[in-house]
Amino acid sequence: MKILFVCTANICRSFMAENIFKKISAERGIGDISVMSASLINMNGALADHKAVEMLEENGINVSGHKSILLTKDMIAKADMIIVMTNQHKEKIIENYPDAIDKTFLLKPFSVSCSGMYDTDFDDIKDPYKLSNYHYRICFSEIYLSVEGLIKLLLK
């Protein structure tokens, strides 16, 4: 199985989701799922946001050298699941790649499989870029819980 996480720039949210997924799946011995991340806008290989890197490292996820990767038609075709951070991301992907409609999902709703609680009025994971450390912690927590829920569902 191939999972593709997508966000606007691939320097905060999808980058964190990819690395959180890799950490959790390694801890649980899951080796048959490949994961990557990409951006909707061309960031020309921009480095990961330093606060996102710090947040991952604070939580035992060592990363270095990440550069933003622009989403391509080939990535869409090869992915079994495309996981996005916001409704706007989902709409953009479906608009540009109509065949991806049945395999494109919001990440945050997967957190329900973890906590049993979920409010559908707030299904976007907001971009913490250039905001306070508090916003990065909230974003990290939402992504972590959602990735845990996603993994739970995949293992059923």
N, C-alpha and C. Protein backbone atom coordinates (compact mmCIF):
# COMPACT_ATOMS: atom_id res chain seq x y z
N MET A 1 0.85 -1.18 0.00
CA MET A 1 0.00 0.00 0.00
C MET A 1 0.89 1.24 0.00
N LYS A 2 0.45 2.26 -0.75
CA LYS A 2 1.18 3.53 -0.83
C LYS A 2 0.26 4.66 -0.37
N ILE A 3 0.72 5.41 0.65
CA ILE A 3 -0.04 6.53 1.18
C ILE A 3 0.71 7.81 0.87
N LEU A 4 -0.04 8.80 0.40
CA LEU A 4 0.51 10.10 0.04
C LEU A 4 -0.18 11.17 0.88
N PHE A 5 0.59 11.89 1.70
CA PHE A 5 0.07 13.01 2.48
C PHE A 5 0.31 14.29 1.68
N VAL A 6 -0.71 15.15 1.62
CA VAL A 6 -0.61 16.38 0.82
C VAL A 6 -1.10 17.57 1.64
N CYS A 7 -0.35 18.68 1.53
CA CYS A 7 -0.81 19.95 2.09
C CYS A 7 -0.37 21.06 1.13
N THR A 8 -0.50 22.28 1.56
CA THR A 8 -0.22 23.40 0.67
C THR A 8 1.23 23.43 0.21
N ALA A 9 2.17 23.42 1.15
CA ALA A 9 3.57 23.65 0.81
C ALA A 9 4.52 22.49 1.09
N ASN A 10 4.06 21.48 1.82
CA ASN A 10 4.89 20.31 2.16
C ASN A 10 6.11 20.70 3.00
N ILE A 11 5.92 21.70 3.87
CA ILE A 11 7.01 22.06 4.78
C ILE A 11 6.58 21.98 6.24
N CYS A 12 5.28 21.80 6.50
CA CYS A 12 4.78 21.66 7.88
C CYS A 12 3.92 20.40 8.02
N ARG A 13 2.64 20.51 7.63
CA ARG A 13 1.66 19.47 7.97
C ARG A 13 1.89 18.14 7.28
N SER A 14 1.97 18.11 5.96
CA SER A 14 2.14 16.80 5.29
C SER A 14 3.51 16.21 5.61
N PHE A 15 4.50 17.05 5.78
CA PHE A 15 5.84 16.62 6.18
C PHE A 15 5.79 15.98 7.58
N MET A 16 5.07 16.63 8.51
CA MET A 16 4.93 16.05 9.85
C MET A 16 4.15 14.74 9.79
N ALA A 17 3.06 14.71 9.04
CA ALA A 17 2.24 13.50 8.94
C ALA A 17 3.05 12.33 8.40
N GLU A 18 3.82 12.57 7.36
CA GLU A 18 4.66 11.52 6.78
C GLU A 18 5.61 10.95 7.83
N ASN A 19 6.27 11.81 8.56
CA ASN A 19 7.27 11.36 9.53
C ASN A 19 6.65 10.74 10.78
N ILE A 20 5.51 11.24 11.21
CA ILE A 20 4.79 10.62 12.32
C ILE A 20 4.33 9.22 11.91
N PHE A 21 3.80 9.10 10.70
CA PHE A 21 3.37 7.78 10.21
C PHE A 21 4.54 6.81 10.19
N LYS A 22 5.69 7.26 9.68
CA LYS A 22 6.87 6.40 9.62
C LYS A 22 7.30 5.94 11.01
N LYS A 23 7.27 6.86 11.98
CA LYS A 23 7.67 6.50 13.35
C LYS A 23 6.72 5.47 13.95
N ILE A 24 5.43 5.74 13.88
CA ILE A 24 4.44 4.83 14.49
C ILE A 24 4.48 3.47 13.79
N SER A 25 4.56 3.46 12.47
CA SER A 25 4.56 2.18 11.76
C SER A 25 5.84 1.39 12.05
N ALA A 26 6.96 2.06 12.23
CA ALA A 26 8.21 1.37 12.59
C ALA A 26 8.11 0.78 13.99
N GLU A 27 7.53 1.54 14.92
CA GLU A 27 7.36 1.04 16.29
C GLU A 27 6.45 -0.18 16.35
N ARG A 28 5.50 -0.24 15.43
CA ARG A 28 4.54 -1.36 15.42
C ARG A 28 4.93 -2.47 14.45
N GLY A 29 6.07 -2.32 13.82
CA GLY A 29 6.56 -3.36 12.91
C GLY A 29 5.78 -3.47 11.61
N ILE A 30 5.21 -2.36 11.16
CA ILE A 30 4.45 -2.37 9.91
C ILE A 30 5.41 -2.02 8.78
N GLY A 31 5.65 -2.98 7.90
CA GLY A 31 6.63 -2.73 6.86
C GLY A 31 6.07 -2.73 5.45
N ASP A 32 4.81 -2.99 5.29
CA ASP A 32 4.25 -3.14 3.95
C ASP A 32 3.49 -1.90 3.47
N ILE A 33 3.69 -0.77 4.14
CA ILE A 33 3.04 0.48 3.74
C ILE A 33 4.13 1.51 3.48
N SER A 34 4.15 2.03 2.26
CA SER A 34 5.11 3.11 1.97
C SER A 34 4.36 4.44 2.06
N VAL A 35 5.09 5.46 2.47
CA VAL A 35 4.46 6.75 2.71
C VAL A 35 5.38 7.87 2.21
N MET A 36 4.75 8.90 1.66
CA MET A 36 5.49 10.08 1.23
C MET A 36 4.58 11.29 1.35
N SER A 37 5.12 12.46 1.07
CA SER A 37 4.31 13.68 1.15
C SER A 37 4.66 14.61 -0.01
N ALA A 38 3.72 15.53 -0.28
CA ALA A 38 3.90 16.45 -1.41
C ALA A 38 3.10 17.73 -1.17
N SER A 39 3.37 18.73 -2.02
CA SER A 39 2.71 20.03 -1.91
C SER A 39 1.80 20.31 -3.10
N LEU A 40 0.84 21.19 -2.87
CA LEU A 40 -0.03 21.64 -3.95
C LEU A 40 0.55 22.83 -4.70
N ILE A 41 1.45 23.56 -4.04
CA ILE A 41 2.09 24.70 -4.72
C ILE A 41 3.59 24.42 -4.84
N ASN A 42 4.17 24.96 -5.89
CA ASN A 42 5.59 24.72 -6.13
C ASN A 42 6.43 25.58 -5.19
N MET A 43 7.10 24.92 -4.26
CA MET A 43 7.95 25.61 -3.29
C MET A 43 9.42 25.54 -3.70
N ASN A 44 9.67 25.02 -4.90
CA ASN A 44 11.03 24.94 -5.44
C ASN A 44 12.00 24.26 -4.48
N GLY A 45 11.55 23.18 -3.86
CA GLY A 45 12.44 22.41 -2.98
C GLY A 45 12.76 23.10 -1.67
N ALA A 46 11.85 23.93 -1.16
CA ALA A 46 12.08 24.62 0.12
C ALA A 46 12.30 23.62 1.24
N LEU A 47 13.15 23.98 2.19
CA LEU A 47 13.41 23.14 3.36
C LEU A 47 12.20 23.12 4.27
N ALA A 48 12.11 22.08 5.08
CA ALA A 48 11.03 21.98 6.06
C ALA A 48 11.09 23.16 7.02
N ASP A 49 9.93 23.60 7.48
CA ASP A 49 9.83 24.67 8.45
C ASP A 49 10.58 24.27 9.73
N HIS A 50 11.43 25.16 10.23
CA HIS A 50 12.27 24.81 11.38
C HIS A 50 11.45 24.50 12.63
N LYS A 51 10.30 25.15 12.80
CA LYS A 51 9.46 24.84 13.97
C LYS A 51 8.82 23.45 13.85
N ALA A 52 8.47 23.05 12.62
CA ALA A 52 7.93 21.71 12.41
C ALA A 52 9.00 20.66 12.71
N VAL A 53 10.22 20.93 12.28
CA VAL A 53 11.34 20.03 12.56
C VAL A 53 11.56 19.92 14.07
N GLU A 54 11.57 21.06 14.76
CA GLU A 54 11.73 21.07 16.22
C GLU A 54 10.64 20.27 16.91
N MET A 55 9.40 20.42 16.44
CA MET A 55 8.27 19.71 17.04
C MET A 55 8.45 18.20 16.89
N LEU A 56 8.86 17.78 15.72
CA LEU A 56 9.10 16.35 15.49
C LEU A 56 10.23 15.85 16.39
N GLU A 57 11.32 16.61 16.44
CA GLU A 57 12.48 16.19 17.24
C GLU A 57 12.15 16.13 18.72
N GLU A 58 11.33 17.09 19.22
CA GLU A 58 10.90 17.07 20.62
C GLU A 58 10.13 15.79 20.94
N ASN A 59 9.55 15.19 19.93
CA ASN A 59 8.75 13.98 20.11
C ASN A 59 9.47 12.73 19.61
N GLY A 60 10.78 12.80 19.55
CA GLY A 60 11.59 11.62 19.24
C GLY A 60 11.62 11.23 17.78
N ILE A 61 11.29 12.15 16.90
CA ILE A 61 11.30 11.86 15.46
C ILE A 61 12.41 12.70 14.84
N ASN A 62 13.51 12.06 14.52
CA ASN A 62 14.66 12.77 13.96
C ASN A 62 14.52 12.87 12.45
N VAL A 63 14.56 14.10 11.97
CA VAL A 63 14.44 14.35 10.53
C VAL A 63 15.48 15.37 10.12
N SER A 64 15.93 15.26 8.92
CA SER A 64 16.84 16.29 8.40
C SER A 64 16.82 16.22 6.89
N GLY A 65 17.05 17.36 6.28
CA GLY A 65 17.20 17.41 4.84
C GLY A 65 15.93 17.35 4.02
N HIS A 66 14.75 17.43 4.67
CA HIS A 66 13.51 17.39 3.89
C HIS A 66 13.41 18.62 2.99
N LYS A 67 13.01 18.39 1.76
CA LYS A 67 12.72 19.47 0.82
C LYS A 67 11.33 19.24 0.25
N SER A 68 10.60 20.33 0.10
CA SER A 68 9.25 20.27 -0.45
C SER A 68 9.26 19.64 -1.84
N ILE A 69 8.26 18.78 -2.05
CA ILE A 69 8.10 18.10 -3.35
C ILE A 69 6.73 18.46 -3.90
N LEU A 70 6.68 18.90 -5.14
CA LEU A 70 5.42 19.26 -5.79
C LEU A 70 4.65 18.01 -6.20
N LEU A 71 3.37 17.98 -5.90
CA LEU A 71 2.48 16.89 -6.28
C LEU A 71 2.46 16.72 -7.79
N THR A 72 2.51 15.46 -8.25
CA THR A 72 2.47 15.17 -9.68
C THR A 72 1.35 14.18 -9.99
N LYS A 73 1.00 14.12 -11.25
CA LYS A 73 -0.01 13.16 -11.72
C LYS A 73 0.44 11.73 -11.45
N ASP A 74 1.72 11.47 -11.60
CA ASP A 74 2.27 10.14 -11.35
C ASP A 74 2.11 9.74 -9.88
N MET A 75 2.36 10.69 -8.97
CA MET A 75 2.17 10.40 -7.53
C MET A 75 0.72 10.05 -7.24
N ILE A 76 -0.18 10.81 -7.83
CA ILE A 76 -1.62 10.56 -7.65
C ILE A 76 -1.97 9.16 -8.14
N ALA A 77 -1.47 8.81 -9.32
CA ALA A 77 -1.78 7.50 -9.92
C ALA A 77 -1.24 6.35 -9.08
N LYS A 78 -0.06 6.51 -8.51
CA LYS A 78 0.57 5.42 -7.75
C LYS A 78 0.04 5.27 -6.33
N ALA A 79 -0.56 6.33 -5.78
CA ALA A 79 -1.04 6.29 -4.40
C ALA A 79 -2.32 5.48 -4.27
N ASP A 80 -2.37 4.68 -3.21
CA ASP A 80 -3.60 3.96 -2.89
C ASP A 80 -4.53 4.84 -2.06
N MET A 81 -3.92 5.71 -1.25
CA MET A 81 -4.67 6.68 -0.44
C MET A 81 -3.96 8.02 -0.52
N ILE A 82 -4.74 9.08 -0.70
CA ILE A 82 -4.21 10.43 -0.67
C ILE A 82 -4.87 11.09 0.54
N ILE A 83 -4.04 11.51 1.49
CA ILE A 83 -4.55 12.06 2.73
C ILE A 83 -4.20 13.55 2.77
N VAL A 84 -5.23 14.39 2.92
CA VAL A 84 -5.05 15.84 2.89
C VAL A 84 -5.39 16.46 4.24
N MET A 85 -4.97 17.70 4.42
CA MET A 85 -5.15 18.39 5.70
C MET A 85 -6.42 19.22 5.78
N THR A 86 -6.93 19.68 4.62
CA THR A 86 -8.12 20.56 4.64
C THR A 86 -9.09 20.18 3.51
N ASN A 87 -10.31 20.64 3.68
CA ASN A 87 -11.30 20.46 2.62
C ASN A 87 -10.86 21.14 1.33
N GLN A 88 -10.20 22.28 1.47
CA GLN A 88 -9.71 23.00 0.29
C GLN A 88 -8.68 22.16 -0.47
N HIS A 89 -7.81 21.47 0.24
CA HIS A 89 -6.84 20.58 -0.41
C HIS A 89 -7.57 19.46 -1.17
N LYS A 90 -8.56 18.90 -0.52
CA LYS A 90 -9.32 17.80 -1.14
C LYS A 90 -10.00 18.29 -2.43
N GLU A 91 -10.64 19.45 -2.35
CA GLU A 91 -11.31 20.01 -3.53
C GLU A 91 -10.33 20.26 -4.67
N LYS A 92 -9.16 20.78 -4.35
CA LYS A 92 -8.14 21.09 -5.36
C LYS A 92 -7.65 19.81 -6.04
N ILE A 93 -7.41 18.78 -5.27
CA ILE A 93 -6.95 17.52 -5.85
C ILE A 93 -8.02 16.92 -6.76
N ILE A 94 -9.26 16.90 -6.28
CA ILE A 94 -10.34 16.32 -7.08
C ILE A 94 -10.60 17.14 -8.34
N GLU A 95 -10.46 18.45 -8.23
CA GLU A 95 -10.61 19.33 -9.39
C GLU A 95 -9.54 19.03 -10.45
N ASN A 96 -8.31 18.85 -10.00
CA ASN A 96 -7.20 18.62 -10.93
C ASN A 96 -7.01 17.16 -11.33
N TYR A 97 -7.48 16.24 -10.48
CA TYR A 97 -7.31 14.80 -10.73
C TYR A 97 -8.63 14.09 -10.39
N PRO A 98 -9.65 14.23 -11.23
CA PRO A 98 -10.98 13.68 -10.91
C PRO A 98 -10.98 12.18 -10.59
N ASP A 99 -10.04 11.44 -11.16
CA ASP A 99 -9.98 10.00 -10.89
C ASP A 99 -9.56 9.69 -9.45
N ALA A 100 -9.07 10.69 -8.73
CA ALA A 100 -8.60 10.48 -7.35
C ALA A 100 -9.71 10.64 -6.32
N ILE A 101 -10.93 10.89 -6.75
CA ILE A 101 -12.01 11.19 -5.81
C ILE A 101 -12.23 10.09 -4.77
N ASP A 102 -12.16 8.83 -5.19
CA ASP A 102 -12.46 7.72 -4.28
C ASP A 102 -11.30 7.35 -3.37
N LYS A 103 -10.15 7.96 -3.56
CA LYS A 103 -9.01 7.61 -2.70
C LYS A 103 -8.42 8.83 -2.00
N THR A 104 -9.15 9.94 -1.99
CA THR A 104 -8.69 11.16 -1.33
C THR A 104 -9.52 11.40 -0.07
N PHE A 105 -8.81 11.54 1.07
CA PHE A 105 -9.48 11.64 2.36
C PHE A 105 -8.86 12.75 3.20
N LEU A 106 -9.69 13.35 4.05
CA LEU A 106 -9.18 14.27 5.06
C LEU A 106 -8.52 13.47 6.17
N LEU A 107 -7.43 13.99 6.73
CA LEU A 107 -6.72 13.27 7.80
C LEU A 107 -7.45 13.32 9.13
N LYS A 108 -7.93 14.48 9.52
CA LYS A 108 -8.46 14.64 10.87
C LYS A 108 -9.61 13.69 11.24
N PRO A 109 -10.52 13.36 10.34
CA PRO A 109 -11.57 12.42 10.72
C PRO A 109 -11.07 11.05 11.16
N PHE A 110 -9.86 10.67 10.81
CA PHE A 110 -9.32 9.39 11.27
C PHE A 110 -9.07 9.40 12.77
N SER A 111 -9.00 10.58 13.38
CA SER A 111 -8.76 10.64 14.83
C SER A 111 -9.90 10.04 15.62
N VAL A 112 -11.07 9.94 15.03
CA VAL A 112 -12.22 9.34 15.71
C VAL A 112 -11.94 7.88 16.07
N SER A 113 -11.16 7.19 15.26
CA SER A 113 -10.87 5.80 15.57
C SER A 113 -9.98 5.68 16.80
N CYS A 114 -9.33 6.76 17.15
CA CYS A 114 -8.45 6.77 18.32
C CYS A 114 -9.20 7.21 19.56
N SER A 115 -9.90 8.32 19.47
CA SER A 115 -10.48 8.92 20.67
C SER A 115 -11.96 8.61 20.85
N GLY A 116 -12.64 8.23 19.77
CA GLY A 116 -14.07 8.01 19.86
C GLY A 116 -14.87 9.29 19.79
N MET A 117 -14.18 10.44 19.76
CA MET A 117 -14.86 11.73 19.69
C MET A 117 -14.39 12.46 18.44
N TYR A 118 -15.33 13.09 17.77
CA TYR A 118 -14.95 13.86 16.58
C TYR A 118 -16.06 14.82 16.24
N ASP A 119 -15.71 16.05 15.99
CA ASP A 119 -16.67 17.09 15.63
C ASP A 119 -16.48 17.41 14.15
N THR A 120 -17.43 17.03 13.31
CA THR A 120 -17.30 17.21 11.86
C THR A 120 -17.30 18.67 11.43
N ASP A 121 -17.64 19.58 12.33
CA ASP A 121 -17.59 21.00 11.98
C ASP A 121 -16.15 21.52 11.91
N PHE A 122 -15.23 20.76 12.46
CA PHE A 122 -13.83 21.19 12.52
C PHE A 122 -12.93 20.11 11.94
N ASP A 123 -13.06 19.85 10.65
CA ASP A 123 -12.33 18.72 10.08
C ASP A 123 -11.05 19.12 9.34
N ASP A 124 -10.67 20.39 9.39
CA ASP A 124 -9.41 20.83 8.79
C ASP A 124 -8.32 20.84 9.86
N ILE A 125 -7.12 20.48 9.48
CA ILE A 125 -5.95 20.67 10.33
C ILE A 125 -5.32 21.96 9.86
N LYS A 126 -5.39 22.98 10.71
CA LYS A 126 -4.96 24.33 10.32
C LYS A 126 -3.44 24.42 10.21
N ASP A 127 -3.00 25.26 9.29
CA ASP A 127 -1.58 25.47 9.04
C ASP A 127 -0.98 26.33 10.15
N PRO A 128 0.05 25.83 10.85
CA PRO A 128 0.66 26.61 11.92
C PRO A 128 1.76 27.56 11.43
N TYR A 129 2.05 27.54 10.14
CA TYR A 129 3.19 28.27 9.59
C TYR A 129 3.24 29.73 10.06
N LYS A 130 4.37 30.10 10.61
CA LYS A 130 4.66 31.45 11.12
C LYS A 130 3.79 31.85 12.32
N LEU A 131 3.16 30.87 12.96
CA LEU A 131 2.39 31.15 14.17
C LEU A 131 3.23 30.74 15.39
N SER A 132 2.63 30.77 16.55
CA SER A 132 3.35 30.48 17.79
C SER A 132 3.62 28.98 17.95
N ASN A 133 4.49 28.67 18.91
CA ASN A 133 4.78 27.27 19.24
C ASN A 133 3.50 26.54 19.64
N TYR A 134 2.59 27.25 20.31
CA TYR A 134 1.30 26.67 20.70
C TYR A 134 0.57 26.10 19.48
N HIS A 135 0.54 26.84 18.38
CA HIS A 135 -0.15 26.40 17.17
C HIS A 135 0.53 25.17 16.57
N TYR A 136 1.85 25.13 16.64
CA TYR A 136 2.57 23.96 16.15
C TYR A 136 2.27 22.73 17.01
N ARG A 137 2.16 22.93 18.33
CA ARG A 137 1.83 21.80 19.23
C ARG A 137 0.42 21.26 18.94
N ILE A 138 -0.52 22.18 18.75
CA ILE A 138 -1.90 21.76 18.42
C ILE A 138 -1.89 20.98 17.11
N CYS A 139 -1.23 21.51 16.11
CA CYS A 139 -1.15 20.86 14.80
C CYS A 139 -0.51 19.48 14.93
N PHE A 140 0.62 19.40 15.63
CA PHE A 140 1.30 18.11 15.83
C PHE A 140 0.36 17.11 16.50
N SER A 141 -0.33 17.55 17.57
CA SER A 141 -1.23 16.66 18.30
C SER A 141 -2.37 16.15 17.42
N GLU A 142 -2.97 17.05 16.65
CA GLU A 142 -4.07 16.63 15.76
C GLU A 142 -3.57 15.64 14.72
N ILE A 143 -2.40 15.91 14.16
CA ILE A 143 -1.85 14.99 13.16
C ILE A 143 -1.51 13.65 13.81
N TYR A 144 -0.88 13.67 14.97
CA TYR A 144 -0.48 12.44 15.65
C TYR A 144 -1.70 11.55 15.93
N LEU A 145 -2.73 12.14 16.55
CA LEU A 145 -3.94 11.36 16.86
C LEU A 145 -4.61 10.83 15.59
N SER A 146 -4.61 11.63 14.56
CA SER A 146 -5.24 11.22 13.31
C SER A 146 -4.46 10.11 12.63
N VAL A 147 -3.14 10.21 12.64
CA VAL A 147 -2.30 9.16 12.05
C VAL A 147 -2.45 7.85 12.85
N GLU A 148 -2.52 7.95 14.18
CA GLU A 148 -2.78 6.75 15.00
C GLU A 148 -4.10 6.09 14.59
N GLY A 149 -5.13 6.92 14.41
CA GLY A 149 -6.44 6.39 13.99
C GLY A 149 -6.39 5.76 12.62
N LEU A 150 -5.67 6.40 11.70
CA LEU A 150 -5.51 5.86 10.34
C LEU A 150 -4.83 4.50 10.39
N ILE A 151 -3.76 4.39 11.16
CA ILE A 151 -3.04 3.12 11.26
C ILE A 151 -3.94 2.05 11.87
N LYS A 152 -4.71 2.41 12.90
CA LYS A 152 -5.65 1.45 13.49
C LYS A 152 -6.59 0.90 12.43
N LEU A 153 -7.16 1.77 11.61
CA LEU A 153 -8.09 1.34 10.57
C LEU A 153 -7.40 0.47 9.52
N LEU A 154 -6.19 0.82 9.15
CA LEU A 154 -5.46 0.05 8.15
C LEU A 154 -5.12 -1.35 8.63
N LEU A 155 -4.95 -1.50 9.93
CA LEU A 155 -4.57 -2.80 10.49
C LEU A 155 -5.78 -3.71 10.77
N LYS A 156 -6.98 -3.18 10.64
CA LYS A 156 -8.18 -4.01 10.88
C LYS A 156 -8.36 -5.04 9.80
